[in-house]
Structures are given as C-alpha cells and as structure tokens.
C-alpha cells in the first residue's frame, strides 16, 4: 500500500491536479473513494472558491485527498515585456482574431498565493503540492504544523535534488510527455523562461529520483495504460500520477470542445507550445498552436489572460482549432467513463 507521510491509499495512482476547469470536487473525491489519491487544483480559482471546493470534496469522500497551488512569480511588468505582449496581440488581430476579445493590458498575478496557502493549511486536505515554484522552508514548516504532507515537483535532475533537499515529504517528477503545463521551476529546472526544456522522460526522471532520494516518488507524464503504470512503478516510483486519462471522466469539468477533441482527434500528434499561455504546454496539435507557437513570448500568466477570451469563444463555438487542447502523448487512450472505472483500468483490475 503506497504511503506519503502517513497518508495511506490503496491503489498506487495519483490524480494530477488539472487547473482551468477539469479539476472538480467530484473528480477528486471519486479517485480517492476508488482507492487512489485525488488532488484538487487550486490554480486560477479565488481563495473563496478554493475553500468551498475543498469543503465540498470532504463532503463527497472520507478518504484522504490533496490540493495543488500555483507558486509562480508572474513575468515582470516592464516596458519590454509590455511591448512583447503588444506585438503578439497585434499578430493575433492581424491573423483575424477579434480585437474585442484581446485585452490591452493582460493581468500579471501571483494567483493569490498567500491567501490560498492559508486556505490549504486550514482545509480538510491531507497533502499540499506546488506547481511552477517551491514554497519557503517556513511555509513547509507551517504546513507540517497544520498536519499536511508536502509534495514538490521536478522536471530535471537539479529539480529533483532541490525537492529532495527541502523539507517536502515526497518528490513528484513529470516527464516531457505530460499534458498541459508541467511543474518546471524557473531557476531550478530551467535557467529562465526562454530556456529549452530538459526533455527527460517520466521513466528517466523516476530512475534519477529513486537514486537521489529515499522520499516517496510520484511519477507522471504520458501515462495512458496499465503497462505505463507498471513500468514507472518498476523504475522506482511509489505511485504514478495520471491526468490526461481523467479529462474524459464523467466527473471532470473538462470543456465540451476539449473533451470532444480528445475523443475524435485521435489521429493527431501532440506538441509543446507557448501560444496559449506564454508557458510551454502540451496540446493536441491544432491551427492556433502551429501558427503562433514560435512567435509567442514566454510571458506567463499575462499571455494566458491575453488569450482567455479567444479560448472561451472557441469553446463556445465548438472550435478545436483555436482552443488549448491540453493532452499528454497517450491521449488516444481516452474514453468516457466514471473515474473509478478509469482508475481500475490503469491499475490493471
């Protein structure tokens, strides 16, 4: 039975926290109730909404679950970054996208990190994980004092070493095959926002982590089948994290256009692009990503908020060519089913 800092769960599978809609209390609770360890995504939510979602999750399951927080510092607001954003906005308008959906001054925000950290510490969640950054030693101590386990993520050897040397209770690793944004920490996993991705697979990172730390290792990235799960467990993972397969779970809040694309565009490849958010993320290849990926400045989250209106319109119109279709490399295995059934399939039951 896998265990993280005293948290027991029956099946060595962890639900990836998928911010932006797919993560719901119902999905998190369903995975935990079926024997896995569900994680609720806190990214992009208000602190008040996160608190409500955490309470709702606790109402739906009596099993342990976790919550994930964004710990990223926004790209600096300087004349240079504003000029780069404006140039990208102009490019989108000239490509035919409605100017009314493209704000002149996109937001730069820390995602209410301090407020959400307080919410997580006082919540029913048993574990707190972090994306895009690492909490301070003092914050980790405060979470431990509140009875929470802490999970830090890495996408490189340097990131694994940093997470292992921290006071975290477990180290999560994400291979380049993972869908959407990975948890790469600027200044640790990558030198700066424009630096190339280390490009390590989930198996490579798992073996590195297993050799560098005795802490539990949560491994993910492109996991689509029970064979993928077994391979990462054999490589040294204590548990395997899965996101994409749960995007088409009955309990997921995945946008309708996104869900349909995962089921109908199985013949397409995936690709990494910063076109939608200003941070590299893996999507099912589509027109927007192909046309604008190379021109997109690495300015997160400002570019995310710049394109939010376009993405909302694309979803409402059922247009998969202009929507961020986050997906890992194994997305063709997606099927519509209750989360418990997907978990059982991945566990080989």
Protein backbone atom coordinates (compact mmCIF):
# COMPACT_ATOMS: atom_id res chain seq x y z
CA UNK A 1 0.00 0.00 0.00
CA UNK A 2 1.53 3.37 -1.00
CA UNK A 3 2.08 5.91 1.73
CA UNK A 4 3.09 9.58 1.81
CA UNK A 5 3.92 10.96 5.24
CA UNK A 6 1.37 8.73 6.90
CA UNK A 7 -1.28 9.11 4.17
CA UNK A 8 -2.37 5.61 3.13
CA UNK A 9 -4.19 4.88 -0.12
CA UNK A 10 -4.92 1.51 -1.67
CA UNK A 11 -4.06 1.97 -5.34
CA UNK A 12 -0.68 3.50 -6.34
CA UNK A 13 -2.32 6.11 -8.56
CA UNK A 14 -2.50 9.86 -8.01
CA UNK A 15 -4.88 12.19 -9.83
CA UNK A 16 -2.99 15.07 -11.42
CA UNK A 17 -4.43 18.45 -10.39
CA UNK A 18 -5.67 19.90 -13.69
CA UNK A 19 -6.41 23.61 -13.30
CA UNK A 20 -8.67 25.62 -15.56
CA UNK A 21 -11.85 23.56 -15.30
CA UNK A 22 -11.14 19.81 -15.47
CA UNK A 23 -10.46 19.53 -11.73
CA UNK A 24 -13.66 19.29 -9.70
CA UNK A 25 -14.52 18.15 -6.18
CA UNK A 26 -16.47 15.30 -7.75
CA UNK A 27 -13.46 14.06 -9.75
CA UNK A 28 -11.04 14.38 -6.84
CA UNK A 29 -13.40 12.60 -4.47
CA UNK A 30 -14.18 9.84 -6.97
CA UNK A 31 -10.49 8.98 -7.39
CA UNK A 32 -9.87 8.95 -3.64
CA UNK A 33 -13.01 6.93 -2.94
CA UNK A 34 -11.90 4.36 -5.53
CA UNK A 35 -8.60 3.86 -3.70
CA UNK A 36 -6.29 6.36 -5.37
CA UNK A 37 -5.13 9.75 -4.08
CA UNK A 38 -7.10 12.60 -5.60
CA UNK A 39 -5.69 16.10 -5.91
CA UNK A 40 -7.84 19.20 -6.34
CA UNK A 41 -6.39 22.01 -8.49
CA UNK A 42 -6.30 25.43 -6.87
CA UNK A 43 -4.87 27.32 -9.84
CA UNK A 44 -6.95 30.18 -11.32
CA UNK A 45 -9.57 29.92 -8.55
CA UNK A 46 -10.28 32.62 -6.00
CA UNK A 47 -9.34 31.76 -2.43
CA UNK A 48 -13.04 31.70 -1.55
CA UNK A 49 -13.87 29.28 -4.36
CA UNK A 50 -10.96 27.04 -3.42
CA UNK A 51 -12.15 26.87 0.18
CA UNK A 52 -15.64 25.93 -0.99
CA UNK A 53 -14.30 23.25 -3.34
CA UNK A 54 -12.16 21.75 -0.59
CA UNK A 55 -15.13 21.59 1.75
CA UNK A 56 -17.26 20.02 -0.97
CA UNK A 57 -14.60 17.38 -1.66
CA UNK A 58 -14.53 16.45 2.02
CA UNK A 59 -18.31 16.05 1.93
CA UNK A 60 -18.03 13.64 -1.01
CA UNK A 61 -15.33 11.31 0.34
CA UNK A 62 -14.00 10.12 3.67
CA UNK A 63 -10.68 9.15 2.06
CA UNK A 64 -7.54 11.33 2.01
CA UNK A 65 -7.04 13.84 -0.81
CA UNK A 66 -4.69 16.68 -1.64
CA UNK A 67 -4.72 20.19 -3.06
CA UNK A 68 -2.34 21.84 -5.50
CA UNK A 69 -1.29 25.52 -5.51
CA UNK A 70 0.43 27.63 -8.15
CA UNK A 71 3.64 29.11 -6.72
CA UNK A 72 4.80 31.03 -9.78
CA UNK A 73 6.02 34.60 -9.86
CA UNK A 74 4.45 36.47 -12.79
CA UNK A 75 6.67 37.67 -15.61
CA UNK A 76 7.92 41.19 -14.78
CA UNK A 77 5.81 44.13 -15.90
CA UNK A 78 8.36 46.24 -17.76
CA UNK A 79 8.28 48.35 -20.93
CA UNK A 80 9.99 45.46 -22.73
CA UNK A 81 7.51 42.80 -21.64
CA UNK A 82 4.56 45.11 -22.41
CA UNK A 83 5.99 45.69 -25.89
CA UNK A 84 6.38 41.94 -26.47
CA UNK A 85 2.81 41.30 -25.38
CA UNK A 86 1.52 44.12 -27.59
CA UNK A 87 3.41 42.71 -30.57
CA UNK A 88 1.82 39.30 -30.01
CA UNK A 89 -1.61 40.90 -29.61
CA UNK A 90 -1.12 42.72 -32.90
CA UNK A 91 -0.13 39.47 -34.57
CA UNK A 92 -3.32 37.78 -33.37
CA UNK A 93 -5.50 40.67 -34.57
CA UNK A 94 -3.80 40.65 -37.97
CA UNK A 95 -4.46 36.90 -38.14
CA UNK A 96 -8.18 37.58 -37.92
CA UNK A 97 -8.89 37.15 -34.20
CA UNK A 98 -11.39 39.70 -32.79
CA UNK A 99 -9.64 42.65 -31.18
CA UNK A 100 -12.51 43.00 -28.70
CA UNK A 101 -11.51 39.67 -27.15
CA UNK A 102 -7.90 40.69 -26.63
CA UNK A 103 -7.32 42.98 -23.61
CA UNK A 104 -4.85 45.84 -23.96
CA UNK A 105 -3.33 45.22 -20.54
CA UNK A 106 -3.33 41.50 -19.66
CA UNK A 107 -3.14 40.64 -15.99
CA UNK A 108 0.00 39.66 -14.17
CA UNK A 109 -0.88 37.90 -10.92
CA UNK A 110 0.62 35.57 -8.31
CA UNK A 111 -2.70 33.65 -8.26
CA UNK A 112 -3.47 34.82 -4.70
CA UNK A 113 -0.74 32.52 -3.44
CA UNK A 114 -0.59 33.72 0.17
CA UNK A 115 -4.36 33.57 0.64
CA UNK A 116 -4.63 30.12 -0.90
CA UNK A 117 -1.77 28.84 1.23
CA UNK A 118 -3.78 29.82 4.31
CA UNK A 119 -6.86 28.11 2.88
CA UNK A 120 -4.92 24.91 2.17
CA UNK A 121 -3.35 24.86 5.64
CA UNK A 122 -6.74 25.06 7.35
CA UNK A 123 -8.56 22.77 4.90
CA UNK A 124 -9.52 19.09 5.15
CA UNK A 125 -6.84 18.23 2.55
CA UNK A 126 -4.18 15.80 3.77
CA UNK A 127 -1.47 16.96 1.34
CA UNK A 128 -0.45 20.16 -0.43
CA UNK A 129 1.56 20.17 -3.65
CA UNK A 130 3.03 23.08 -5.58
CA UNK A 131 3.33 23.89 -9.28
CA UNK A 132 5.80 26.28 -11.00
CA UNK A 133 7.65 27.07 -7.78
CA UNK A 134 8.68 25.86 -4.33
CA UNK A 135 7.37 27.16 -1.02
CA UNK A 136 9.80 28.58 1.53
CA UNK A 137 11.18 26.45 4.36
CA UNK A 138 9.00 28.41 6.76
CA UNK A 139 5.89 27.70 4.68
CA UNK A 140 6.70 24.00 4.61
CA UNK A 141 7.13 24.00 8.39
CA UNK A 142 3.79 25.76 8.79
CA UNK A 143 2.07 23.16 6.61
CA UNK A 144 3.64 20.37 8.63
CA UNK A 145 2.45 22.05 11.81
CA UNK A 146 -1.05 22.05 10.31
CA UNK A 147 -0.75 18.31 9.70
CA UNK A 148 -0.26 18.48 5.94
CA UNK A 149 2.14 16.44 3.82
CA UNK A 150 4.03 18.47 1.23
CA UNK A 151 4.83 17.41 -2.36
CA UNK A 152 7.28 19.31 -4.56
CA UNK A 153 7.69 18.65 -8.29
CA UNK A 154 10.69 18.48 -10.59
CA UNK A 155 11.35 18.04 -14.29
CA UNK A 156 15.15 17.81 -14.15
CA UNK A 157 17.94 16.32 -12.06
CA UNK A 158 18.58 19.72 -10.49
CA UNK A 159 14.90 19.99 -9.63
CA UNK A 160 14.89 16.55 -8.03
CA UNK A 161 17.89 17.47 -5.89
CA UNK A 162 16.22 20.71 -4.79
CA UNK A 163 12.95 19.00 -3.90
CA UNK A 164 14.75 16.17 -2.09
CA UNK A 165 16.83 18.63 -0.06
CA UNK A 166 13.76 20.58 1.02
CA UNK A 167 11.51 19.63 3.88
CA UNK A 168 8.98 18.12 1.47
CA UNK A 169 7.58 14.67 2.20
CA UNK A 170 7.52 13.45 -1.39
CA UNK A 171 9.07 14.31 -4.74
CA UNK A 172 6.92 14.42 -7.86
CA UNK A 173 8.51 14.10 -11.31
CA UNK A 174 6.90 14.88 -14.66
CA UNK A 175 8.29 13.66 -17.96
CA UNK A 176 8.10 15.78 -21.10
CA UNK A 177 5.24 13.60 -22.36
CA UNK A 178 2.85 15.17 -19.81
CA UNK A 179 -0.17 17.11 -21.00
CA UNK A 180 -0.65 20.82 -20.36
CA UNK A 181 1.83 22.73 -18.25
CA UNK A 182 4.46 20.87 -16.32
CA UNK A 183 5.66 21.97 -12.90
CA UNK A 184 9.10 23.16 -14.06
CA UNK A 185 10.57 25.73 -11.69
CA UNK A 186 12.37 28.63 -13.34
CA UNK A 187 15.84 28.99 -11.91
CA UNK A 188 15.88 25.35 -10.84
CA UNK A 189 14.64 23.04 -13.60
CA UNK A 190 15.25 25.64 -16.30
CA UNK A 191 17.57 28.64 -16.24
CA UNK A 192 14.97 31.17 -17.36
CA UNK A 193 11.60 31.37 -19.08
CA UNK A 194 13.18 31.13 -22.54
CA UNK A 195 15.45 28.17 -21.74
CA UNK A 196 14.85 24.85 -23.53
CA UNK A 197 13.08 22.05 -21.70
CA UNK A 198 15.38 19.35 -20.25
CA UNK A 199 13.39 16.82 -22.30
CA UNK A 200 13.64 13.90 -19.86
CA UNK A 201 11.05 11.13 -19.94
CA UNK A 202 8.98 10.06 -16.98
CA UNK A 203 11.00 6.84 -16.68
CA UNK A 204 14.34 8.68 -16.80
CA UNK A 205 13.24 11.14 -14.11
CA UNK A 206 11.85 8.32 -11.97
CA UNK A 207 15.12 6.41 -12.04
CA UNK A 208 17.03 9.59 -11.23
CA UNK A 209 14.75 10.40 -8.31
CA UNK A 210 14.83 6.86 -6.94
CA UNK A 211 18.62 7.06 -6.91
CA UNK A 212 18.80 10.50 -5.33
CA UNK A 213 16.26 10.33 -2.51
CA UNK A 214 14.57 7.88 -0.17
CA UNK A 215 11.47 10.04 -0.14
CA UNK A 216 8.41 8.67 -1.98
CA UNK A 217 8.48 9.45 -5.70
CA UNK A 218 5.28 10.31 -7.59
CA UNK A 219 5.93 9.85 -11.30
CA UNK A 220 3.89 11.02 -14.26
CA UNK A 221 3.97 12.17 -17.85
CA UNK A 222 2.22 10.49 -20.76
CA UNK A 223 0.72 7.69 -18.67
CA UNK A 224 -2.10 6.10 -20.65
CA UNK A 225 -2.24 2.38 -19.85
CA UNK A 226 -1.76 -0.14 -17.07
CA UNK A 227 1.52 -1.09 -18.75
CA UNK A 228 2.72 2.53 -18.40
CA UNK A 229 1.84 2.43 -14.71
CA UNK A 230 3.70 -0.84 -14.16
CA UNK A 231 6.77 0.49 -15.96
CA UNK A 232 7.05 3.57 -13.73
CA UNK A 233 6.49 1.53 -10.58
CA UNK A 234 9.25 -0.81 -11.75
CA UNK A 235 11.51 2.20 -12.32
CA UNK A 236 11.19 3.16 -8.67
CA UNK A 237 8.00 5.22 -8.34
CA UNK A 238 5.99 4.88 -5.15
CA UNK A 239 2.88 5.95 -7.05
CA UNK A 240 2.03 7.09 -10.56
CA UNK A 241 0.33 10.39 -11.37
CA UNK A 242 -2.21 10.49 -14.20
CA UNK A 243 -4.00 13.49 -15.64
CA UNK A 244 -4.99 13.20 -19.30
CA UNK A 245 -6.88 9.92 -18.95
CA UNK A 246 -9.18 11.59 -16.41
CA UNK A 247 -10.02 14.52 -18.70
CA UNK A 248 -12.84 12.43 -20.17
CA UNK A 249 -14.03 11.06 -16.83
CA UNK A 250 -17.71 11.61 -16.13
CA UNK A 251 -16.85 13.72 -13.09
CA UNK A 252 -14.34 16.00 -14.84
CA UNK A 253 -15.18 19.62 -15.66
CA UNK A 254 -13.34 19.50 -18.98
CA UNK A 255 -14.67 21.94 -21.58
CA UNK A 256 -17.03 20.26 -24.03
CA UNK A 257 -14.93 21.17 -27.08
CA UNK A 258 -11.77 19.89 -25.38
CA UNK A 259 -13.45 16.65 -24.33
CA UNK A 260 -14.80 16.05 -27.84
CA UNK A 261 -11.40 16.72 -29.41
CA UNK A 262 -9.70 14.16 -27.18
CA UNK A 263 -12.15 11.53 -28.34
CA UNK A 264 -12.35 12.47 -32.02
CA UNK A 265 -8.86 13.74 -32.98
CA UNK A 266 -7.01 10.55 -32.05
CA UNK A 267 -5.01 10.55 -35.28
CA UNK A 268 -3.25 13.83 -34.39
CA UNK A 269 0.08 14.27 -32.66
CA UNK A 270 0.63 16.41 -29.59
CA UNK A 271 3.02 19.35 -29.47
CA UNK A 272 4.56 21.74 -26.99
CA UNK A 273 3.51 25.35 -27.43
CA UNK A 274 3.56 28.65 -25.54
CA UNK A 275 0.95 30.12 -27.90
CA UNK A 276 -1.97 29.94 -25.48
CA UNK A 277 -0.40 30.83 -22.14
CA UNK A 278 3.14 32.12 -22.53
CA UNK A 279 4.49 28.97 -20.91
CA UNK A 280 5.25 25.73 -22.80
CA UNK A 281 2.39 23.24 -22.52
CA UNK A 282 1.48 20.09 -24.43
CA UNK A 283 -1.64 20.24 -26.58
CA UNK A 284 -3.24 18.22 -29.32
CA UNK A 285 -1.77 19.88 -32.41
CA UNK A 286 -4.12 22.47 -33.92
CA UNK A 287 -4.08 25.58 -36.10
CA UNK A 288 -3.54 28.13 -33.32
CA UNK A 289 -0.58 26.27 -31.84
CA UNK A 290 1.03 25.74 -35.25
CA UNK A 291 0.53 29.35 -36.41
CA UNK A 292 1.56 31.22 -33.29
CA UNK A 293 3.74 28.96 -31.16
CA UNK A 294 7.10 30.21 -32.36
CA UNK A 295 6.07 33.87 -32.05
CA UNK A 296 4.59 33.62 -28.56
CA UNK A 297 6.65 35.40 -25.88
CA UNK A 298 7.33 33.38 -22.71
CA UNK A 299 5.33 35.72 -20.52
CA UNK A 300 3.16 33.81 -18.06
CA UNK A 301 0.48 34.44 -16.86
CA UNK A 302 -0.02 37.65 -18.85
CA UNK A 303 -0.29 35.81 -22.15
CA UNK A 304 -2.69 33.30 -20.57
CA UNK A 305 -5.03 36.15 -19.72
CA UNK A 306 -4.47 37.78 -23.11
CA UNK A 307 -5.87 34.73 -24.93
CA UNK A 308 -8.58 33.84 -22.39
CA UNK A 309 -11.37 35.50 -24.39
CA UNK A 310 -10.30 33.81 -27.63
CA UNK A 311 -10.24 30.43 -25.93
CA UNK A 312 -13.63 30.99 -24.38
CA UNK A 313 -15.10 31.89 -27.75
CA UNK A 314 -13.53 28.82 -29.38
CA UNK A 315 -15.02 26.54 -26.76
CA UNK A 316 -18.47 28.09 -27.10
CA UNK A 317 -18.29 27.72 -30.89
CA UNK A 318 -17.12 24.09 -30.73
CA UNK A 319 -13.91 25.13 -32.48
CA UNK A 320 -10.98 22.83 -31.56
CA UNK A 321 -8.53 24.67 -33.82
CA UNK A 322 -8.35 27.74 -31.57
CA UNK A 323 -8.64 26.13 -28.13
CA UNK A 324 -5.90 24.85 -25.85
CA UNK A 325 -6.44 21.09 -26.09
CA UNK A 326 -4.12 20.07 -23.24
CA UNK A 327 -3.21 16.41 -23.56
CA UNK A 328 -0.36 14.04 -22.85
CA UNK A 329 1.22 11.92 -25.56
CA UNK A 330 -1.07 8.97 -24.78
CA UNK A 331 -4.36 10.86 -25.13
CA UNK A 332 -5.67 8.46 -27.79
CA UNK A 333 -6.42 6.04 -24.94
CA UNK A 334 -9.02 8.44 -23.51
CA UNK A 335 -12.56 7.16 -23.18
CA UNK A 336 -15.68 8.40 -21.46
CA UNK A 337 -16.22 6.52 -18.21
CA UNK A 338 -16.62 7.10 -14.48
CA UNK A 339 -13.34 7.96 -12.77
CA UNK A 340 -13.48 4.75 -10.74
CA UNK A 341 -13.54 2.68 -13.94
CA UNK A 342 -10.59 4.57 -15.41
CA UNK A 343 -8.65 4.07 -12.17
CA UNK A 344 -9.40 0.35 -12.20
CA UNK A 345 -8.26 0.05 -15.81
CA UNK A 346 -4.97 1.81 -15.08
CA UNK A 347 -4.46 -0.38 -12.03
CA UNK A 348 -4.91 -3.46 -14.21
CA UNK A 349 -8.01 -4.62 -12.38
